[in-house]
């Protein structure tokens, strides 16, 4: 690119490739009234015919054009165009994986089938989250070392094997804790790798949008997965074979996402070998500490125990009845539909008014959604649509803005660490929330469980706004 930052008559430079190697070379000349930056690409690899011309800038910096070619996009450098073929493949891969993952939203029913109760559901979920939390530092280093795309494929394999391992269970024993932890870690590898990949290929000013639009694929998966689970799990006739079918479908559903992932372009090239030492992980976090946003990550992780852990049991215990409709299917359909509508229609809003404002609005929606679960009773089962919509709106506004704010301080080459840290805090929220909320629900009922989360979510927002620096609270990203 050649750009001129001060008024100057158009100047032409005769093209020559005879006196420089086939490398990109940047030169800068400055005078009292002109700053000229030239990026020259010549030699046999980059043969730029014709003349190069500098135009006088008006209200912006003019772009260098050549007679017959455009400047190539270097590997690992985010292109200004966000929605390319690779993004489309990643979107489809994400959607199919979330279908496989949300099929297992029925996992609490599997635990109950094996003889567990609400408290054990919370403990099994919490221990699985603990394993993910403890392994994430090494996961971050592995992503930095081997690349997001390669680790993404590893995550698919771990998730599928863990899903199939459930077929070996015949009763509730300690093995289920290891299986749940392995499945949780497999999903953690997938989500951390996906988050790292998209943050590396997207332009910085559109990173929040990229994470949000990719999350639309996740919402689409949520709309389909629970319904598929209901097809396999007939409420009155649930037996072991029905659960086995769910686990097989969940495992095999990852084959197509893995194939699609092989076709996407690499993200950032690995210019150095990153250490796998745990100390390097913590040093990187200390160097690029994201601040009070981590508290919001924690609260949001606790909120996610409701749709993905407790809501299925809540529907059964209440009980809620929507006639011929699947209650869990309706909940996720509305939840995901609400999230999709906001992600798509407001995808550029964080750019305009700032990610923090979107985040606060979303967390308030999530808090109100938790309180509104108390409206759904056996006599008013249809009120389940209210928390489904409010929590869906909250999720649609929160996740991508929260994650973007968390990973923003981390440079591209260590963004695996930032992604892992964001998801570590989500794991910690689930780890702390699931057992505690399970005990609250068992001893005081589901209304107490939901109100505890509603209060905690709102408090996290107030603390974040109080603790965050003023420039972060007013940020427009």
Protein backbone atom coordinates (compact mmCIF):
# COMPACT_ATOMS: atom_id res chain seq x y z
CA UNK A 1 0.00 0.00 0.00
CA UNK A 2 1.18 3.55 -0.73
CA UNK A 3 -0.57 6.30 1.11
CA UNK A 4 -0.04 10.03 1.43
CA UNK A 5 -1.20 11.80 4.54
CA UNK A 6 -0.75 15.39 3.34
CA UNK A 7 -1.97 17.24 0.20
CA UNK A 8 0.34 16.61 -2.64
CA UNK A 9 0.01 16.43 -6.43
CA UNK A 10 -0.38 12.92 -7.83
CA UNK A 11 3.00 11.25 -8.20
CA UNK A 12 3.88 8.22 -10.32
CA UNK A 13 6.64 5.73 -9.70
CA UNK A 14 7.92 3.55 -12.54
CA UNK A 15 7.63 -0.09 -11.60
CA UNK A 16 10.71 -2.20 -11.36
CA UNK A 17 11.36 -5.64 -9.94
CA UNK A 18 14.98 -5.97 -10.88
CA UNK A 19 16.63 -4.51 -7.85
CA UNK A 20 14.84 -6.09 -4.86
CA UNK A 21 14.19 -9.61 -3.59
CA UNK A 22 10.79 -11.33 -3.62
CA UNK A 23 9.82 -9.99 -0.23
CA UNK A 24 7.49 -7.36 1.13
CA UNK A 25 9.51 -4.24 2.02
CA UNK A 26 8.19 -1.24 3.86
CA UNK A 27 9.91 2.15 3.60
CA UNK A 28 8.97 5.43 5.16
CA UNK A 29 10.08 8.91 4.21
CA UNK A 30 9.06 11.99 6.08
CA UNK A 31 9.42 15.69 5.47
CA UNK A 32 7.90 18.76 7.00
CA UNK A 33 4.70 18.40 5.03
CA UNK A 34 4.56 14.79 3.83
CA UNK A 35 4.64 11.31 5.29
CA UNK A 36 4.92 8.62 2.65
CA UNK A 37 4.66 4.93 3.50
CA UNK A 38 5.36 2.47 0.72
CA UNK A 39 4.95 -1.29 0.79
CA UNK A 40 6.73 -2.76 -2.19
CA UNK A 41 6.15 -6.29 -3.42
CA UNK A 42 8.37 -7.34 -6.28
CA UNK A 43 10.47 -10.15 -7.65
CA UNK A 44 9.23 -13.30 -9.35
CA UNK A 45 6.63 -14.10 -6.67
CA UNK A 46 4.89 -10.72 -6.74
CA UNK A 47 5.08 -9.22 -10.22
CA UNK A 48 3.12 -5.98 -10.18
CA UNK A 49 2.98 -4.55 -13.72
CA UNK A 50 2.23 -1.00 -14.62
CA UNK A 51 2.76 2.16 -12.69
CA UNK A 52 1.96 2.89 -9.04
CA UNK A 53 0.16 6.10 -8.38
CA UNK A 54 -0.38 8.10 -5.21
CA UNK A 55 -3.61 10.11 -5.12
CA UNK A 56 -4.21 13.20 -3.08
CA UNK A 57 -6.30 12.27 0.00
CA UNK A 58 -9.55 14.04 0.73
CA UNK A 59 -11.33 12.91 3.92
CA UNK A 60 -9.63 9.54 3.99
CA UNK A 61 -6.47 7.75 2.98
CA UNK A 62 -6.66 6.71 -0.65
CA UNK A 63 -5.90 3.16 -1.54
CA UNK A 64 -3.17 2.18 -3.95
CA UNK A 65 -4.42 0.41 -7.05
CA UNK A 66 -2.46 -1.33 -9.75
CA UNK A 67 -3.28 -1.97 -13.35
CA UNK A 68 -3.78 -5.74 -13.27
CA UNK A 69 -3.79 -7.13 -9.74
CA UNK A 70 -4.82 -6.65 -6.13
CA UNK A 71 -2.58 -6.80 -3.08
CA UNK A 72 -2.54 -10.38 -1.76
CA UNK A 73 -3.79 -11.19 1.73
CA UNK A 74 -0.96 -12.63 3.77
CA UNK A 75 -1.59 -15.83 5.76
CA UNK A 76 -2.80 -15.18 9.27
CA UNK A 77 -3.61 -11.53 8.60
CA UNK A 78 -7.33 -10.82 9.17
CA UNK A 79 -9.01 -9.72 5.96
CA UNK A 80 -11.46 -6.84 5.99
CA UNK A 81 -14.03 -9.18 4.49
CA UNK A 82 -15.46 -11.27 7.33
CA UNK A 83 -17.95 -13.60 5.68
CA UNK A 84 -15.90 -15.76 3.33
CA UNK A 85 -16.08 -19.46 2.45
CA UNK A 86 -14.05 -20.50 5.49
CA UNK A 87 -16.40 -18.61 7.80
CA UNK A 88 -19.35 -20.36 6.17
CA UNK A 89 -17.77 -23.80 6.74
CA UNK A 90 -16.97 -22.92 10.35
CA UNK A 91 -20.57 -21.77 10.84
CA UNK A 92 -21.98 -25.06 9.54
CA UNK A 93 -19.48 -27.07 11.59
CA UNK A 94 -20.44 -25.12 14.70
CA UNK A 95 -24.16 -25.70 14.12
CA UNK A 96 -23.78 -29.45 13.69
CA UNK A 97 -21.59 -29.79 16.77
CA UNK A 98 -24.05 -27.90 18.95
CA UNK A 99 -26.81 -30.20 17.72
CA UNK A 100 -24.70 -33.11 18.99
CA UNK A 101 -23.95 -31.33 22.25
CA UNK A 102 -27.51 -30.15 22.95
CA UNK A 103 -28.81 -33.66 22.34
CA UNK A 104 -27.24 -34.29 25.72
CA UNK A 105 -29.33 -31.58 27.38
CA UNK A 106 -31.25 -34.70 28.41
CA UNK A 107 -28.24 -35.94 30.39
CA UNK A 108 -29.92 -35.17 33.72
CA UNK A 109 -32.62 -37.66 32.73
CA UNK A 110 -29.93 -40.26 32.08
CA UNK A 111 -28.58 -39.70 35.59
CA UNK A 112 -32.10 -40.06 37.01
CA UNK A 113 -32.64 -43.22 34.96
CA UNK A 114 -29.50 -44.69 36.55
CA UNK A 115 -30.87 -43.88 40.03
CA UNK A 116 -29.60 -40.35 40.74
CA UNK A 117 -31.44 -37.37 42.24
CA UNK A 118 -31.23 -33.59 41.84
CA UNK A 119 -28.28 -33.27 44.21
CA UNK A 120 -26.30 -35.93 42.31
CA UNK A 121 -27.09 -34.22 39.02
CA UNK A 122 -25.47 -31.08 40.44
CA UNK A 123 -22.39 -32.92 41.74
CA UNK A 124 -21.80 -34.88 38.53
CA UNK A 125 -22.07 -31.68 36.50
CA UNK A 126 -19.83 -29.80 38.93
CA UNK A 127 -17.08 -32.42 38.93
CA UNK A 128 -17.13 -32.47 35.14
CA UNK A 129 -16.69 -28.70 35.15
CA UNK A 130 -13.81 -29.03 37.62
CA UNK A 131 -11.94 -31.29 35.22
CA UNK A 132 -12.45 -28.79 32.41
CA UNK A 133 -11.32 -25.95 34.65
CA UNK A 134 -8.10 -27.71 35.72
CA UNK A 135 -7.16 -28.75 32.18
CA UNK A 136 -7.86 -25.44 30.45
CA UNK A 137 -4.42 -23.88 31.15
CA UNK A 138 -2.73 -26.70 29.23
CA UNK A 139 -5.46 -26.49 26.60
CA UNK A 140 -4.57 -22.84 26.05
CA UNK A 141 -0.90 -23.68 25.64
CA UNK A 142 -1.73 -26.52 23.24
CA UNK A 143 -3.82 -24.19 21.08
CA UNK A 144 -0.98 -21.65 21.03
CA UNK A 145 1.52 -24.41 20.17
CA UNK A 146 -0.36 -26.51 17.58
CA UNK A 147 -2.99 -24.10 16.30
CA UNK A 148 -6.74 -23.71 16.78
CA UNK A 149 -7.75 -25.81 13.79
CA UNK A 150 -5.77 -28.90 14.84
CA UNK A 151 -6.98 -28.77 18.44
CA UNK A 152 -10.53 -28.27 17.24
CA UNK A 153 -10.40 -31.67 15.53
CA UNK A 154 -8.99 -33.23 18.70
CA UNK A 155 -11.96 -31.83 20.61
CA UNK A 156 -14.42 -33.52 18.26
CA UNK A 157 -12.71 -36.86 18.84
CA UNK A 158 -12.69 -36.55 22.65
CA UNK A 159 -16.34 -35.51 22.75
CA UNK A 160 -17.47 -38.40 20.56
CA UNK A 161 -15.56 -41.04 22.54
CA UNK A 162 -16.94 -39.69 25.82
CA UNK A 163 -20.51 -39.77 24.51
CA UNK A 164 -20.10 -43.43 23.48
CA UNK A 165 -18.55 -44.31 26.85
CA UNK A 166 -21.97 -43.78 28.45
CA UNK A 167 -23.09 -46.96 26.73
CA UNK A 168 -20.87 -48.89 29.15
CA UNK A 169 -22.75 -47.67 32.24
CA UNK A 170 -25.32 -49.98 33.82
CA UNK A 171 -25.77 -48.12 37.13
CA UNK A 172 -24.74 -44.91 38.84
CA UNK A 173 -21.12 -45.19 39.95
CA UNK A 174 -17.89 -43.22 40.01
CA UNK A 175 -17.21 -43.88 36.32
CA UNK A 176 -19.93 -41.44 35.29
CA UNK A 177 -17.89 -38.60 36.82
CA UNK A 178 -14.97 -39.41 34.51
CA UNK A 179 -17.24 -39.78 31.49
CA UNK A 180 -18.99 -36.48 32.17
CA UNK A 181 -15.61 -34.79 32.71
CA UNK A 182 -14.26 -36.18 29.41
CA UNK A 183 -17.33 -35.02 27.48
CA UNK A 184 -17.13 -31.62 29.13
CA UNK A 185 -13.43 -31.33 28.27
CA UNK A 186 -14.04 -32.38 24.66
CA UNK A 187 -16.65 -29.64 24.29
CA UNK A 188 -14.26 -27.22 26.02
CA UNK A 189 -11.54 -27.96 23.43
CA UNK A 190 -14.03 -27.38 20.61
CA UNK A 191 -15.36 -24.09 21.96
CA UNK A 192 -11.95 -22.68 22.95
CA UNK A 193 -10.45 -23.59 19.57
CA UNK A 194 -13.43 -22.15 17.71
CA UNK A 195 -13.26 -18.93 19.71
CA UNK A 196 -9.51 -18.60 19.10
CA UNK A 197 -9.86 -19.32 15.39
CA UNK A 198 -12.59 -16.78 14.70
CA UNK A 199 -10.85 -14.09 16.78
CA UNK A 200 -7.72 -14.60 14.67
CA UNK A 201 -9.37 -14.44 11.25
CA UNK A 202 -11.73 -11.53 11.96
CA UNK A 203 -10.72 -7.86 11.68
CA UNK A 204 -10.24 -6.45 15.19
CA UNK A 205 -13.08 -3.95 14.92
CA UNK A 206 -15.47 -6.76 13.88
CA UNK A 207 -14.32 -9.41 16.35
CA UNK A 208 -17.43 -9.08 18.56
CA UNK A 209 -19.66 -9.36 15.50
CA UNK A 210 -17.79 -12.45 14.27
CA UNK A 211 -18.12 -14.23 17.61
CA UNK A 212 -21.79 -13.27 17.75
CA UNK A 213 -22.70 -14.44 14.26
CA UNK A 214 -20.84 -17.71 14.75
CA UNK A 215 -22.89 -18.11 17.92
CA UNK A 216 -26.02 -18.01 15.77
CA UNK A 217 -24.95 -21.45 14.55
CA UNK A 218 -24.94 -22.52 18.18
CA UNK A 219 -28.46 -21.24 18.68
CA UNK A 220 -29.63 -23.09 15.58
CA UNK A 221 -28.12 -26.25 17.03
CA UNK A 222 -30.00 -25.64 20.29
CA UNK A 223 -33.26 -25.45 18.37
CA UNK A 224 -32.70 -28.84 16.78
CA UNK A 225 -30.80 -30.93 19.35
CA UNK A 226 -33.35 -31.10 22.19
CA UNK A 227 -36.14 -31.90 19.73
CA UNK A 228 -34.10 -34.79 18.35
CA UNK A 229 -33.60 -35.99 21.90
CA UNK A 230 -37.35 -35.95 22.46
CA UNK A 231 -37.81 -38.12 19.38
CA UNK A 232 -35.58 -40.78 20.92
CA UNK A 233 -36.79 -40.41 24.52
CA UNK A 234 -40.50 -41.14 24.70
CA UNK A 235 -41.63 -39.75 28.06
CA UNK A 236 -43.75 -42.69 29.21
CA UNK A 237 -41.53 -45.44 27.81
CA UNK A 238 -37.94 -44.37 28.47
CA UNK A 239 -35.62 -47.32 28.53
CA UNK A 240 -31.89 -47.95 28.25
CA UNK A 241 -31.89 -48.46 24.48
CA UNK A 242 -33.41 -45.03 23.90
CA UNK A 243 -30.56 -43.37 25.80
CA UNK A 244 -28.00 -45.51 23.96
CA UNK A 245 -29.44 -44.27 20.65
CA UNK A 246 -29.04 -40.67 21.81
CA UNK A 247 -25.36 -41.24 22.67
CA UNK A 248 -24.62 -42.88 19.31
CA UNK A 249 -26.29 -40.10 17.35
CA UNK A 250 -24.44 -37.47 19.41
CA UNK A 251 -21.10 -39.15 18.65
CA UNK A 252 -21.68 -39.76 14.94
CA UNK A 253 -23.02 -36.24 14.41
CA UNK A 254 -19.42 -34.97 14.74
CA UNK A 255 -18.18 -36.70 11.60
CA UNK A 256 -19.47 -34.06 9.16
CA UNK A 257 -18.25 -31.08 11.27
CA UNK A 258 -14.78 -32.64 11.35
CA UNK A 259 -14.73 -33.07 7.55
CA UNK A 260 -15.85 -29.47 7.02
CA UNK A 261 -13.18 -28.23 9.38
CA UNK A 262 -10.48 -29.85 7.26
CA UNK A 263 -11.46 -27.52 4.40
CA UNK A 264 -11.14 -24.17 6.21
CA UNK A 265 -8.06 -22.00 5.76
CA UNK A 266 -5.45 -21.80 8.54
CA UNK A 267 -5.68 -18.92 10.98
CA UNK A 268 -2.54 -17.23 12.27
CA UNK A 269 0.79 -18.81 11.26
CA UNK A 270 2.85 -20.06 14.21
CA UNK A 271 5.99 -17.94 14.09
CA UNK A 272 7.39 -19.30 17.36
CA UNK A 273 7.12 -22.43 19.46
CA UNK A 274 5.07 -21.71 22.58
CA UNK A 275 5.93 -23.34 25.87
CA UNK A 276 3.54 -25.89 27.38
CA UNK A 277 4.61 -24.96 30.92
CA UNK A 278 1.81 -23.93 33.27
CA UNK A 279 3.86 -20.94 34.45
CA UNK A 280 3.77 -19.52 30.91
CA UNK A 281 -0.02 -19.58 30.98
CA UNK A 282 -0.22 -17.56 34.18
CA UNK A 283 2.51 -15.15 33.07
CA UNK A 284 0.57 -14.44 29.88
CA UNK A 285 -2.62 -13.80 31.87
CA UNK A 286 -0.80 -11.50 34.25
CA UNK A 287 0.70 -9.59 31.34
CA UNK A 288 -2.70 -9.12 29.63
CA UNK A 289 -5.09 -9.17 32.62
CA UNK A 290 -8.65 -8.40 31.37
CA UNK A 291 -10.02 -7.14 34.71
CA UNK A 292 -13.53 -7.11 36.19
CA UNK A 293 -15.15 -8.71 33.15
CA UNK A 294 -14.10 -12.08 34.59
CA UNK A 295 -16.74 -11.74 37.30
CA UNK A 296 -19.42 -11.51 34.60
CA UNK A 297 -17.94 -14.63 32.96
CA UNK A 298 -18.33 -16.40 36.30
CA UNK A 299 -21.96 -15.36 36.80
CA UNK A 300 -22.88 -16.25 33.23
CA UNK A 301 -21.37 -19.72 33.70
CA UNK A 302 -23.60 -20.24 36.72
CA UNK A 303 -26.63 -19.14 34.66
CA UNK A 304 -25.87 -21.76 32.03
CA UNK A 305 -26.57 -24.53 34.55
CA UNK A 306 -30.29 -23.75 34.20
CA UNK A 307 -30.91 -24.43 30.49
CA UNK A 308 -28.27 -27.16 30.21
CA UNK A 309 -28.60 -28.92 33.58
CA UNK A 310 -31.69 -28.10 35.62
CA UNK A 311 -34.49 -27.13 33.25
CA UNK A 312 -35.20 -30.69 32.09
CA UNK A 313 -35.60 -31.89 35.69
CA UNK A 314 -37.65 -28.77 36.55
CA UNK A 315 -40.10 -29.60 33.76
CA UNK A 316 -40.45 -33.19 35.02
CA UNK A 317 -40.71 -32.35 38.73
CA UNK A 318 -43.10 -29.37 38.48
CA UNK A 319 -44.57 -30.97 36.30
CA UNK A 320 -45.19 -28.78 33.26
CA UNK A 321 -47.46 -29.98 30.47
CA UNK A 322 -47.87 -28.34 27.07
CA UNK A 323 -50.07 -31.05 25.65
CA UNK A 324 -48.71 -32.64 22.50
CA UNK A 325 -45.71 -30.29 22.43
CA UNK A 326 -42.33 -31.14 23.93
CA UNK A 327 -41.80 -28.79 26.86
CA UNK A 328 -38.01 -28.95 26.63
CA UNK A 329 -38.16 -28.60 22.85
CA UNK A 330 -40.40 -25.52 23.10
CA UNK A 331 -38.08 -23.98 25.70
CA UNK A 332 -34.96 -24.36 23.55
CA UNK A 333 -36.77 -23.35 20.37
CA UNK A 334 -37.83 -20.04 21.93
CA UNK A 335 -34.52 -19.60 23.78
CA UNK A 336 -32.49 -20.06 20.62
CA UNK A 337 -34.92 -18.11 18.44
CA UNK A 338 -34.70 -15.11 20.76
CA UNK A 339 -30.90 -15.28 20.75
CA UNK A 340 -30.71 -15.56 16.96
CA UNK A 341 -33.05 -12.61 16.38
CA UNK A 342 -30.89 -10.29 18.47
CA UNK A 343 -27.55 -11.58 17.20
CA UNK A 344 -28.52 -11.02 13.58
CA UNK A 345 -30.45 -7.74 13.83
CA UNK A 346 -27.99 -6.12 16.27
CA UNK A 347 -24.78 -7.65 14.96
CA UNK A 348 -23.11 -4.26 14.29
CA UNK A 349 -24.46 -2.51 17.39
CA UNK A 350 -21.41 -3.22 19.61
CA UNK A 351 -19.33 -1.36 17.03
CA UNK A 352 -21.57 1.68 17.38
CA UNK A 353 -22.47 1.97 21.06
CA UNK A 354 -19.89 -0.28 22.71
CA UNK A 355 -19.82 -3.88 23.84
CA UNK A 356 -20.19 -2.96 27.54
CA UNK A 357 -23.65 -1.44 27.08
CA UNK A 358 -24.82 -4.53 25.19
CA UNK A 359 -23.36 -6.73 27.91
CA UNK A 360 -25.17 -4.92 30.75
CA UNK A 361 -28.53 -5.06 28.95
CA UNK A 362 -28.05 -8.78 28.33
CA UNK A 363 -27.17 -9.60 31.93
CA UNK A 364 -30.24 -7.74 33.17
CA UNK A 365 -32.37 -9.78 30.75
CA UNK A 366 -30.76 -12.97 32.05
CA UNK A 367 -31.47 -11.96 35.65
CA UNK A 368 -35.12 -11.22 34.92
CA UNK A 369 -35.35 -14.52 33.06
CA UNK A 370 -34.21 -16.42 36.14
CA UNK A 371 -36.85 -14.75 38.30
CA UNK A 372 -39.54 -15.43 35.68
CA UNK A 373 -39.10 -19.21 35.98
CA UNK A 374 -41.19 -18.86 39.13
CA UNK A 375 -44.17 -17.97 36.91
CA UNK A 376 -44.26 -21.46 35.35
CA UNK A 377 -46.43 -23.79 37.45
CA UNK A 378 -48.45 -26.93 36.64
CA UNK A 379 -51.53 -24.70 36.28
CA UNK A 380 -49.67 -22.18 34.10
CA UNK A 381 -47.26 -24.32 32.11
CA UNK A 382 -47.41 -21.95 29.15
CA UNK A 383 -45.57 -19.33 31.23
CA UNK A 384 -42.43 -21.31 30.45
CA UNK A 385 -42.21 -19.18 27.30
CA UNK A 386 -41.36 -16.07 29.38
CA UNK A 387 -38.07 -17.33 30.89
CA UNK A 388 -37.24 -19.00 27.58
CA UNK A 389 -37.46 -15.68 25.74
CA UNK A 390 -35.82 -13.53 28.42
CA UNK A 391 -32.90 -15.93 28.94
CA UNK A 392 -32.54 -16.30 25.17
CA UNK A 393 -32.37 -12.52 24.77
CA UNK A 394 -29.83 -12.39 27.57
CA UNK A 395 -27.66 -15.11 26.05
CA UNK A 396 -27.91 -13.45 22.64
CA UNK A 397 -26.60 -10.17 24.05
CA UNK A 398 -24.07 -11.41 26.59
CA UNK A 399 -21.88 -14.22 25.35
CA UNK A 400 -20.14 -12.62 22.38
CA UNK A 401 -19.71 -9.21 24.04
CA UNK A 402 -18.45 -10.75 27.28
CA UNK A 403 -16.03 -13.02 25.46
CA UNK A 404 -14.76 -10.29 23.16
CA UNK A 405 -14.07 -8.02 26.14
CA UNK A 406 -12.23 -10.85 27.90
CA UNK A 407 -9.90 -11.76 25.03
CA UNK A 408 -9.38 -8.21 23.72
CA UNK A 409 -6.16 -7.52 25.70
CA UNK A 410 -4.47 -10.68 24.36
CA UNK A 411 -2.42 -10.42 21.14
CA UNK A 412 -3.31 -12.80 18.31
CA UNK A 413 -0.37 -15.14 18.91
CA UNK A 414 -1.51 -15.89 22.51
CA UNK A 415 -5.23 -15.55 21.96
CA UNK A 416 -5.62 -19.21 22.85
CA UNK A 417 -4.78 -18.17 26.39
CA UNK A 418 -7.41 -15.43 26.37
CA UNK A 419 -10.05 -17.79 24.99
CA UNK A 420 -9.19 -20.42 27.58
CA UNK A 421 -9.36 -17.87 30.39
CA UNK A 422 -12.82 -16.71 29.30
CA UNK A 423 -14.10 -20.28 29.20
CA UNK A 424 -12.30 -21.16 32.45
CA UNK A 425 -14.42 -18.60 34.22
CA UNK A 426 -17.55 -20.08 32.65
CA UNK A 427 -16.42 -23.49 33.91
CA UNK A 428 -15.81 -22.05 37.36
CA UNK A 429 -19.34 -20.62 37.37
CA UNK A 430 -20.74 -24.03 36.47
CA UNK A 431 -18.42 -25.78 38.93
CA UNK A 432 -19.51 -23.58 41.82
CA UNK A 433 -23.08 -23.10 40.68
CA UNK A 434 -24.21 -26.63 39.82
CA UNK A 435 -23.61 -28.33 43.20
CA UNK A 436 -24.70 -25.32 45.25
CA UNK A 437 -27.83 -24.73 43.17
CA UNK A 438 -28.59 -28.46 43.20
CA UNK A 439 -28.54 -28.45 47.00
CA UNK A 440 -30.67 -25.28 47.14
CA UNK A 441 -33.19 -26.83 44.76
CA UNK A 442 -33.31 -30.09 46.70
CA UNK A 443 -33.87 -28.49 50.12
CA UNK A 444 -35.74 -25.27 49.30
CA UNK A 445 -37.31 -25.93 45.89
CA UNK A 446 -36.78 -24.66 42.37
CA UNK A 447 -38.07 -21.10 43.04
CA UNK A 448 -35.23 -20.59 45.53
CA UNK A 449 -32.74 -21.94 42.97
CA UNK A 450 -33.91 -19.53 40.27
CA UNK A 451 -34.10 -16.50 42.58
CA UNK A 452 -30.57 -17.16 43.87
CA UNK A 453 -29.28 -17.01 40.31
CA UNK A 454 -31.33 -13.92 39.50
CA UNK A 455 -29.88 -11.99 42.44
CA UNK A 456 -26.33 -13.22 41.79
CA UNK A 457 -26.47 -12.25 38.12
CA UNK A 458 -27.65 -8.73 38.86
CA UNK A 459 -25.01 -8.25 41.56
CA UNK A 460 -22.25 -9.31 39.15
CA UNK A 461 -23.26 -6.52 36.76
CA UNK A 462 -23.22 -3.88 39.49
CA UNK A 463 -19.82 -5.02 40.75
CA UNK A 464 -18.43 -5.04 37.20
CA UNK A 465 -19.62 -1.49 36.53
CA UNK A 466 -18.22 -0.34 39.87
CA UNK A 467 -14.84 -2.05 39.48
CA UNK A 468 -14.20 -1.50 35.77
CA UNK A 469 -12.14 1.57 34.77
CA UNK A 470 -14.16 4.45 33.34
CA UNK A 471 -12.66 4.09 29.88
CA UNK A 472 -13.73 0.43 29.81
CA UNK A 473 -17.28 1.23 30.92
CA UNK A 474 -17.61 3.82 28.14
CA UNK A 475 -15.76 1.75 25.56
CA UNK A 476 -16.96 1.58 21.99
CA UNK A 477 -15.34 -1.52 20.50
